[in-house]
Amino acid sequence: DNLALERTRLANERTLLAYARTGIILVASGATIMKLYGDDARYLIAGLALAAAGVGTIMLGVRRFRALARRLN
């Protein structure tokens, strides 16, 4: 029973890191698009959308991590 709880905690941490990794990639992709094609408004909007999606992904991951951590404690 104790080992199952530890496995669940570790899985929760691993999932948080996956959310963070995905969010960072989205923000970096958005910044790259804005830097390379910043003169065109369409690419600027696409870059901002990717960056916002990345930040949202990180926030969602932190929210889900905290909710599960509270339930486990």
N, C-alpha and C. Protein backbone atom coordinates (compact mmCIF):
# COMPACT_ATOMS: atom_id res chain seq x y z
N ASP A 1 0.83 -1.19 0.00
CA ASP A 1 0.00 0.00 0.00
C ASP A 1 0.87 1.25 0.00
N ASN A 2 1.93 1.24 0.81
CA ASN A 2 2.83 2.37 0.88
C ASN A 2 3.60 2.56 -0.43
N LEU A 3 4.00 1.45 -1.04
CA LEU A 3 4.72 1.53 -2.32
C LEU A 3 3.82 2.06 -3.43
N ALA A 4 2.55 1.69 -3.41
CA ALA A 4 1.62 2.20 -4.41
C ALA A 4 1.47 3.71 -4.30
N LEU A 5 1.44 4.21 -3.08
CA LEU A 5 1.35 5.66 -2.86
C LEU A 5 2.60 6.36 -3.39
N GLU A 6 3.75 5.78 -3.14
CA GLU A 6 5.01 6.36 -3.64
C GLU A 6 5.04 6.36 -5.18
N ARG A 7 4.59 5.27 -5.78
CA ARG A 7 4.54 5.20 -7.25
C ARG A 7 3.62 6.28 -7.81
N THR A 8 2.51 6.51 -7.14
CA THR A 8 1.56 7.52 -7.59
C THR A 8 2.17 8.91 -7.46
N ARG A 9 2.89 9.16 -6.37
CA ARG A 9 3.56 10.46 -6.21
C ARG A 9 4.61 10.68 -7.30
N LEU A 10 5.39 9.65 -7.57
CA LEU A 10 6.41 9.77 -8.61
C LEU A 10 5.78 9.95 -9.99
N ALA A 11 4.70 9.26 -10.25
CA ALA A 11 4.00 9.44 -11.53
C ALA A 11 3.45 10.85 -11.65
N ASN A 12 2.98 11.41 -10.54
CA ASN A 12 2.47 12.78 -10.55
C ASN A 12 3.60 13.76 -10.88
N GLU A 13 4.76 13.56 -10.30
CA GLU A 13 5.91 14.42 -10.59
C GLU A 13 6.34 14.28 -12.05
N ARG A 14 6.35 13.05 -12.55
CA ARG A 14 6.74 12.81 -13.94
C ARG A 14 5.76 13.50 -14.89
N THR A 15 4.48 13.46 -14.55
CA THR A 15 3.48 14.10 -15.39
C THR A 15 3.65 15.62 -15.37
N LEU A 16 3.96 16.18 -14.20
CA LEU A 16 4.21 17.62 -14.12
C LEU A 16 5.38 18.01 -15.01
N LEU A 17 6.43 17.22 -14.99
CA LEU A 17 7.59 17.51 -15.84
C LEU A 17 7.25 17.42 -17.32
N ALA A 18 6.37 16.51 -17.67
CA ALA A 18 5.94 16.39 -19.07
C ALA A 18 5.15 17.63 -19.48
N TYR A 19 4.26 18.10 -18.61
CA TYR A 19 3.52 19.34 -18.89
C TYR A 19 4.49 20.50 -19.06
N ALA A 20 5.46 20.61 -18.16
CA ALA A 20 6.43 21.71 -18.22
C ALA A 20 7.25 21.64 -19.51
N ARG A 21 7.69 20.45 -19.86
CA ARG A 21 8.47 20.28 -21.09
C ARG A 21 7.66 20.70 -22.32
N THR A 22 6.42 20.28 -22.37
CA THR A 22 5.55 20.63 -23.49
C THR A 22 5.33 22.13 -23.54
N GLY A 23 5.08 22.73 -22.38
CA GLY A 23 4.85 24.18 -22.33
C GLY A 23 6.07 24.97 -22.78
N ILE A 24 7.25 24.54 -22.34
CA ILE A 24 8.47 25.24 -22.73
C ILE A 24 8.69 25.14 -24.23
N ILE A 25 8.43 23.98 -24.80
CA ILE A 25 8.58 23.81 -26.25
C ILE A 25 7.61 24.72 -27.01
N LEU A 26 6.37 24.83 -26.52
CA LEU A 26 5.39 25.70 -27.17
C LEU A 26 5.81 27.17 -27.09
N VAL A 27 6.29 27.60 -25.94
CA VAL A 27 6.75 28.98 -25.79
C VAL A 27 7.95 29.25 -26.70
N ALA A 28 8.89 28.31 -26.73
CA ALA A 28 10.07 28.48 -27.58
C ALA A 28 9.69 28.50 -29.06
N SER A 29 8.74 27.66 -29.45
CA SER A 29 8.30 27.66 -30.85
C SER A 29 7.64 28.98 -31.20
N GLY A 30 6.81 29.49 -30.30
CA GLY A 30 6.17 30.78 -30.54
C GLY A 30 7.18 31.90 -30.65
N ALA A 31 8.18 31.90 -29.77
CA ALA A 31 9.21 32.93 -29.83
C ALA A 31 10.02 32.83 -31.11
N THR A 32 10.29 31.62 -31.55
CA THR A 32 11.05 31.43 -32.79
C THR A 32 10.27 31.94 -33.99
N ILE A 33 8.99 31.63 -34.04
CA ILE A 33 8.16 32.11 -35.14
C ILE A 33 8.10 33.63 -35.15
N MET A 34 7.94 34.22 -33.97
CA MET A 34 7.88 35.69 -33.90
C MET A 34 9.21 36.31 -34.31
N LYS A 35 10.31 35.69 -33.94
CA LYS A 35 11.62 36.23 -34.27
C LYS A 35 11.91 36.10 -35.77
N LEU A 36 11.58 34.95 -36.35
CA LEU A 36 11.89 34.73 -37.76
C LEU A 36 10.95 35.48 -38.70
N TYR A 37 9.66 35.51 -38.34
CA TYR A 37 8.65 36.08 -39.24
C TYR A 37 7.89 37.22 -38.58
N GLY A 38 8.56 38.00 -37.75
CA GLY A 38 7.90 39.04 -36.98
C GLY A 38 7.29 40.16 -37.81
N ASP A 39 7.69 40.31 -39.07
CA ASP A 39 7.16 41.39 -39.90
C ASP A 39 5.74 41.12 -40.35
N ASP A 40 5.36 39.88 -40.44
CA ASP A 40 4.02 39.50 -40.91
C ASP A 40 3.10 39.32 -39.70
N ALA A 41 1.97 39.99 -39.72
CA ALA A 41 1.03 39.97 -38.58
C ALA A 41 0.48 38.57 -38.33
N ARG A 42 0.30 37.79 -39.38
CA ARG A 42 -0.22 36.43 -39.19
C ARG A 42 0.73 35.58 -38.37
N TYR A 43 2.01 35.69 -38.65
CA TYR A 43 2.99 34.91 -37.90
C TYR A 43 3.16 35.45 -36.48
N LEU A 44 3.01 36.75 -36.31
CA LEU A 44 3.08 37.32 -34.98
C LEU A 44 1.93 36.79 -34.11
N ILE A 45 0.74 36.74 -34.68
CA ILE A 45 -0.41 36.20 -33.95
C ILE A 45 -0.22 34.72 -33.66
N ALA A 46 0.29 33.98 -34.63
CA ALA A 46 0.53 32.55 -34.42
C ALA A 46 1.57 32.33 -33.32
N GLY A 47 2.62 33.13 -33.33
CA GLY A 47 3.65 33.01 -32.30
C GLY A 47 3.12 33.34 -30.92
N LEU A 48 2.31 34.39 -30.84
CA LEU A 48 1.71 34.75 -29.55
C LEU A 48 0.75 33.67 -29.07
N ALA A 49 0.01 33.08 -29.99
CA ALA A 49 -0.92 32.00 -29.63
C ALA A 49 -0.16 30.79 -29.10
N LEU A 50 0.94 30.45 -29.75
CA LEU A 50 1.74 29.32 -29.27
C LEU A 50 2.33 29.61 -27.89
N ALA A 51 2.82 30.81 -27.70
CA ALA A 51 3.39 31.18 -26.41
C ALA A 51 2.32 31.14 -25.32
N ALA A 52 1.14 31.66 -25.62
CA ALA A 52 0.05 31.62 -24.65
C ALA A 52 -0.37 30.19 -24.35
N ALA A 53 -0.41 29.36 -25.36
CA ALA A 53 -0.76 27.95 -25.15
C ALA A 53 0.30 27.26 -24.28
N GLY A 54 1.55 27.62 -24.46
CA GLY A 54 2.61 27.06 -23.63
C GLY A 54 2.48 27.45 -22.17
N VAL A 55 2.21 28.72 -21.93
CA VAL A 55 2.03 29.18 -20.55
C VAL A 55 0.80 28.51 -19.94
N GLY A 56 -0.27 28.40 -20.72
CA GLY A 56 -1.48 27.73 -20.24
C GLY A 56 -1.23 26.27 -19.93
N THR A 57 -0.43 25.61 -20.74
CA THR A 57 -0.11 24.21 -20.50
C THR A 57 0.66 24.03 -19.19
N ILE A 58 1.60 24.90 -18.95
CA ILE A 58 2.37 24.83 -17.70
C ILE A 58 1.45 25.08 -16.50
N MET A 59 0.59 26.08 -16.62
CA MET A 59 -0.32 26.38 -15.52
C MET A 59 -1.29 25.23 -15.26
N LEU A 60 -1.77 24.59 -16.31
CA LEU A 60 -2.65 23.44 -16.16
C LEU A 60 -1.93 22.29 -15.47
N GLY A 61 -0.69 22.05 -15.86
CA GLY A 61 0.09 20.98 -15.24
C GLY A 61 0.32 21.23 -13.76
N VAL A 62 0.64 22.47 -13.40
CA VAL A 62 0.85 22.80 -11.98
C VAL A 62 -0.44 22.64 -11.20
N ARG A 63 -1.54 23.07 -11.79
CA ARG A 63 -2.84 22.95 -11.12
C ARG A 63 -3.20 21.48 -10.87
N ARG A 64 -3.03 20.66 -11.87
CA ARG A 64 -3.35 19.23 -11.72
C ARG A 64 -2.40 18.55 -10.73
N PHE A 65 -1.11 18.94 -10.76
CA PHE A 65 -0.14 18.39 -9.82
C PHE A 65 -0.54 18.69 -8.39
N ARG A 66 -0.86 19.96 -8.13
CA ARG A 66 -1.24 20.36 -6.78
C ARG A 66 -2.50 19.67 -6.31
N ALA A 67 -3.48 19.53 -7.21
CA ALA A 67 -4.73 18.89 -6.82
C ALA A 67 -4.49 17.43 -6.42
N LEU A 68 -3.71 16.72 -7.19
CA LEU A 68 -3.45 15.31 -6.86
C LEU A 68 -2.57 15.21 -5.61
N ALA A 69 -1.61 16.11 -5.46
CA ALA A 69 -0.75 16.08 -4.28
C ALA A 69 -1.57 16.31 -3.01
N ARG A 70 -2.54 17.21 -3.07
CA ARG A 70 -3.41 17.44 -1.93
C ARG A 70 -4.23 16.19 -1.60
N ARG A 71 -4.74 15.53 -2.63
CA ARG A 71 -5.53 14.32 -2.39
C ARG A 71 -4.70 13.19 -1.82
N LEU A 72 -3.43 13.12 -2.21
CA LEU A 72 -2.56 12.07 -1.70
C LEU A 72 -2.15 12.30 -0.26
N ASN A 73 -2.07 13.55 0.13
CA ASN A 73 -1.68 13.86 1.52
C ASN A 73 -2.90 13.74 2.39
